[in-house]
């Protein structure tokens, strides 16, 4: 039996946010422990919640999947 284990508490997330008026958009890709990823995503979406040009609320799309690594 191997000493390796599969870490399944990790995930890969892509977040795309943009102004509904097309003024600006950003994309964030991150991978790591689920709690850390959630904290980062929350901080980023809170910080960029409104368009800096027109003040409209940024729309957010999110795609995530589990990320297994052999430790």
N, C-alpha and C. Protein backbone atom coordinates (compact mmCIF):
# COMPACT_ATOMS: atom_id res chain seq x y z
N UNK A 1 0.85 -1.18 0.00
CA UNK A 1 0.00 0.00 0.00
C UNK A 1 0.89 1.24 0.00
N UNK A 2 0.51 2.21 -0.72
CA UNK A 2 1.28 3.44 -0.85
C UNK A 2 0.98 4.41 0.28
N UNK A 3 1.95 5.29 0.58
CA UNK A 3 1.74 6.33 1.58
C UNK A 3 1.04 7.55 0.97
N UNK A 4 0.80 7.52 -0.31
CA UNK A 4 0.15 8.65 -0.99
C UNK A 4 -1.35 8.62 -0.75
N UNK A 5 -1.96 9.79 -0.79
CA UNK A 5 -3.42 9.87 -0.69
C UNK A 5 -3.92 10.89 -1.70
N UNK A 6 -5.16 10.76 -2.07
CA UNK A 6 -5.78 11.75 -2.95
C UNK A 6 -6.38 12.85 -2.10
N UNK A 7 -6.03 14.08 -2.38
CA UNK A 7 -6.62 15.23 -1.68
C UNK A 7 -7.83 15.69 -2.48
N UNK A 8 -9.00 15.56 -1.90
CA UNK A 8 -10.21 15.93 -2.62
C UNK A 8 -10.85 17.19 -2.05
N UNK A 9 -10.19 17.83 -1.10
CA UNK A 9 -10.73 19.06 -0.52
C UNK A 9 -10.26 20.29 -1.29
N UNK A 10 -9.81 20.07 -2.50
CA UNK A 10 -9.34 21.17 -3.35
C UNK A 10 -10.31 21.36 -4.50
N UNK A 11 -10.31 22.57 -5.05
CA UNK A 11 -11.13 22.82 -6.22
C UNK A 11 -10.49 23.87 -7.10
N UNK A 12 -10.90 23.85 -8.37
CA UNK A 12 -10.44 24.80 -9.37
C UNK A 12 -11.65 25.65 -9.75
N UNK A 13 -11.49 26.97 -9.67
CA UNK A 13 -12.61 27.88 -9.92
C UNK A 13 -12.19 28.95 -10.93
N UNK A 14 -13.08 29.23 -11.86
CA UNK A 14 -12.92 30.35 -12.78
C UNK A 14 -14.11 31.28 -12.57
N UNK A 15 -13.82 32.55 -12.35
CA UNK A 15 -14.86 33.56 -12.18
C UNK A 15 -14.67 34.61 -13.27
N UNK A 16 -15.75 34.91 -13.98
CA UNK A 16 -15.73 35.97 -14.98
C UNK A 16 -16.79 36.98 -14.56
N UNK A 17 -16.40 38.23 -14.46
CA UNK A 17 -17.33 39.30 -14.08
C UNK A 17 -17.23 40.42 -15.10
N UNK A 18 -18.35 41.06 -15.33
CA UNK A 18 -18.34 42.15 -16.30
C UNK A 18 -19.48 43.12 -16.08
N UNK A 19 -19.26 44.31 -16.54
CA UNK A 19 -20.27 45.37 -16.50
C UNK A 19 -21.33 45.07 -17.56
N UNK A 20 -22.61 45.20 -17.23
CA UNK A 20 -23.64 44.95 -18.23
C UNK A 20 -23.60 45.94 -19.40
N UNK A 21 -22.93 47.07 -19.21
CA UNK A 21 -22.80 48.07 -20.28
C UNK A 21 -21.53 47.87 -21.10
N UNK A 22 -20.74 46.86 -20.77
CA UNK A 22 -19.54 46.54 -21.52
C UNK A 22 -18.33 47.42 -21.21
N UNK A 23 -18.39 48.18 -20.13
CA UNK A 23 -17.27 49.08 -19.79
C UNK A 23 -16.00 48.32 -19.41
N UNK A 24 -16.15 47.26 -18.64
CA UNK A 24 -14.98 46.52 -18.17
C UNK A 24 -15.38 45.11 -17.78
N UNK A 25 -14.37 44.23 -17.73
CA UNK A 25 -14.59 42.87 -17.25
C UNK A 25 -13.28 42.32 -16.71
N UNK A 26 -13.39 41.30 -15.88
CA UNK A 26 -12.19 40.63 -15.39
C UNK A 26 -12.46 39.14 -15.30
N UNK A 27 -11.36 38.37 -15.30
CA UNK A 27 -11.44 36.92 -15.17
C UNK A 27 -10.41 36.50 -14.14
N UNK A 28 -10.81 35.61 -13.27
CA UNK A 28 -9.94 35.10 -12.22
C UNK A 28 -9.99 33.58 -12.24
N UNK A 29 -8.82 32.96 -12.31
CA UNK A 29 -8.72 31.50 -12.21
C UNK A 29 -7.88 31.20 -10.99
N UNK A 30 -8.35 30.28 -10.16
CA UNK A 30 -7.60 29.91 -8.97
C UNK A 30 -7.85 28.45 -8.64
N UNK A 31 -6.91 27.86 -7.93
CA UNK A 31 -7.03 26.47 -7.50
C UNK A 31 -6.41 26.36 -6.12
N UNK A 32 -7.05 25.61 -5.25
CA UNK A 32 -6.50 25.41 -3.91
C UNK A 32 -7.52 24.77 -3.00
N UNK A 33 -7.24 24.86 -1.71
CA UNK A 33 -8.17 24.31 -0.72
C UNK A 33 -9.49 25.07 -0.81
N UNK A 34 -10.58 24.35 -0.65
CA UNK A 34 -11.91 24.92 -0.84
C UNK A 34 -12.13 26.18 -0.02
N UNK A 35 -11.74 26.17 1.24
CA UNK A 35 -11.96 27.33 2.11
C UNK A 35 -11.18 28.55 1.62
N UNK A 36 -9.95 28.34 1.21
CA UNK A 36 -9.11 29.44 0.72
C UNK A 36 -9.65 30.02 -0.58
N UNK A 37 -10.09 29.14 -1.46
CA UNK A 37 -10.64 29.59 -2.74
C UNK A 37 -11.90 30.41 -2.51
N UNK A 38 -12.79 29.93 -1.63
CA UNK A 38 -14.03 30.67 -1.35
C UNK A 38 -13.73 32.04 -0.76
N UNK A 39 -12.76 32.12 0.13
CA UNK A 39 -12.38 33.40 0.74
C UNK A 39 -11.86 34.37 -0.31
N UNK A 40 -11.01 33.89 -1.20
CA UNK A 40 -10.46 34.74 -2.26
C UNK A 40 -11.56 35.23 -3.20
N UNK A 41 -12.43 34.34 -3.63
CA UNK A 41 -13.52 34.71 -4.54
C UNK A 41 -14.42 35.76 -3.89
N UNK A 42 -14.73 35.57 -2.62
CA UNK A 42 -15.58 36.53 -1.90
C UNK A 42 -14.92 37.90 -1.83
N UNK A 43 -13.62 37.92 -1.50
CA UNK A 43 -12.90 39.20 -1.42
C UNK A 43 -12.88 39.93 -2.77
N UNK A 44 -12.62 39.19 -3.83
CA UNK A 44 -12.53 39.79 -5.16
C UNK A 44 -13.89 40.32 -5.61
N UNK A 45 -14.94 39.52 -5.46
CA UNK A 45 -16.25 39.97 -5.92
C UNK A 45 -16.77 41.13 -5.09
N UNK A 46 -16.42 41.17 -3.79
CA UNK A 46 -16.80 42.32 -2.96
C UNK A 46 -16.05 43.58 -3.39
N UNK A 47 -14.77 43.43 -3.72
CA UNK A 47 -13.94 44.57 -4.10
C UNK A 47 -14.32 45.15 -5.46
N UNK A 48 -14.77 44.30 -6.36
CA UNK A 48 -15.11 44.74 -7.72
C UNK A 48 -16.60 44.56 -7.99
N UNK A 49 -17.44 44.91 -7.04
CA UNK A 49 -18.88 44.72 -7.16
C UNK A 49 -19.56 45.68 -8.11
N UNK A 50 -18.94 46.85 -8.33
CA UNK A 50 -19.53 47.85 -9.22
C UNK A 50 -18.51 48.29 -10.25
N UNK A 51 -18.99 48.62 -11.43
CA UNK A 51 -18.14 49.13 -12.50
C UNK A 51 -17.55 50.47 -12.07
N UNK A 52 -16.25 50.64 -12.25
CA UNK A 52 -15.60 51.89 -11.86
C UNK A 52 -15.88 53.02 -12.85
N UNK A 53 -16.38 52.68 -14.03
CA UNK A 53 -16.66 53.72 -15.04
C UNK A 53 -18.09 54.23 -14.97
N UNK A 54 -19.07 53.32 -14.87
CA UNK A 54 -20.47 53.76 -14.91
C UNK A 54 -21.24 53.47 -13.63
N UNK A 55 -20.65 52.68 -12.71
CA UNK A 55 -21.30 52.40 -11.44
C UNK A 55 -22.30 51.26 -11.45
N UNK A 56 -22.49 50.61 -12.60
CA UNK A 56 -23.43 49.48 -12.69
C UNK A 56 -22.91 48.29 -11.89
N UNK A 57 -23.81 47.47 -11.41
CA UNK A 57 -23.45 46.26 -10.68
C UNK A 57 -22.84 45.25 -11.64
N UNK A 58 -21.69 44.69 -11.27
CA UNK A 58 -21.01 43.72 -12.12
C UNK A 58 -21.74 42.38 -12.08
N UNK A 59 -21.97 41.79 -13.24
CA UNK A 59 -22.53 40.45 -13.32
C UNK A 59 -21.41 39.43 -13.16
N UNK A 60 -21.68 38.33 -12.49
CA UNK A 60 -20.64 37.34 -12.21
C UNK A 60 -21.07 35.96 -12.69
N UNK A 61 -20.19 35.30 -13.44
CA UNK A 61 -20.36 33.91 -13.83
C UNK A 61 -19.27 33.10 -13.16
N UNK A 62 -19.61 31.90 -12.73
CA UNK A 62 -18.66 31.10 -11.97
C UNK A 62 -18.71 29.65 -12.45
N UNK A 63 -17.53 29.05 -12.63
CA UNK A 63 -17.43 27.65 -13.00
C UNK A 63 -16.44 27.01 -12.04
N UNK A 64 -16.83 25.89 -11.45
CA UNK A 64 -15.90 25.23 -10.53
C UNK A 64 -15.97 23.73 -10.69
N UNK A 65 -14.86 23.10 -10.33
CA UNK A 65 -14.78 21.64 -10.37
C UNK A 65 -13.81 21.19 -9.30
N UNK A 66 -14.01 19.99 -8.77
CA UNK A 66 -13.07 19.47 -7.78
C UNK A 66 -11.71 19.25 -8.43
N UNK A 67 -10.69 19.39 -7.66
CA UNK A 67 -9.33 19.22 -8.16
C UNK A 67 -8.63 18.22 -7.25
N UNK A 68 -8.32 17.05 -7.79
CA UNK A 68 -7.66 16.02 -6.99
C UNK A 68 -6.17 16.04 -7.27
N UNK A 69 -5.41 15.94 -6.22
CA UNK A 69 -3.96 15.85 -6.36
C UNK A 69 -3.47 14.66 -5.56
N UNK A 70 -2.41 14.06 -6.01
CA UNK A 70 -1.80 12.95 -5.30
C UNK A 70 -0.76 13.51 -4.35
N UNK A 71 -0.96 13.27 -3.07
CA UNK A 71 -0.01 13.79 -2.07
C UNK A 71 0.87 12.68 -1.55
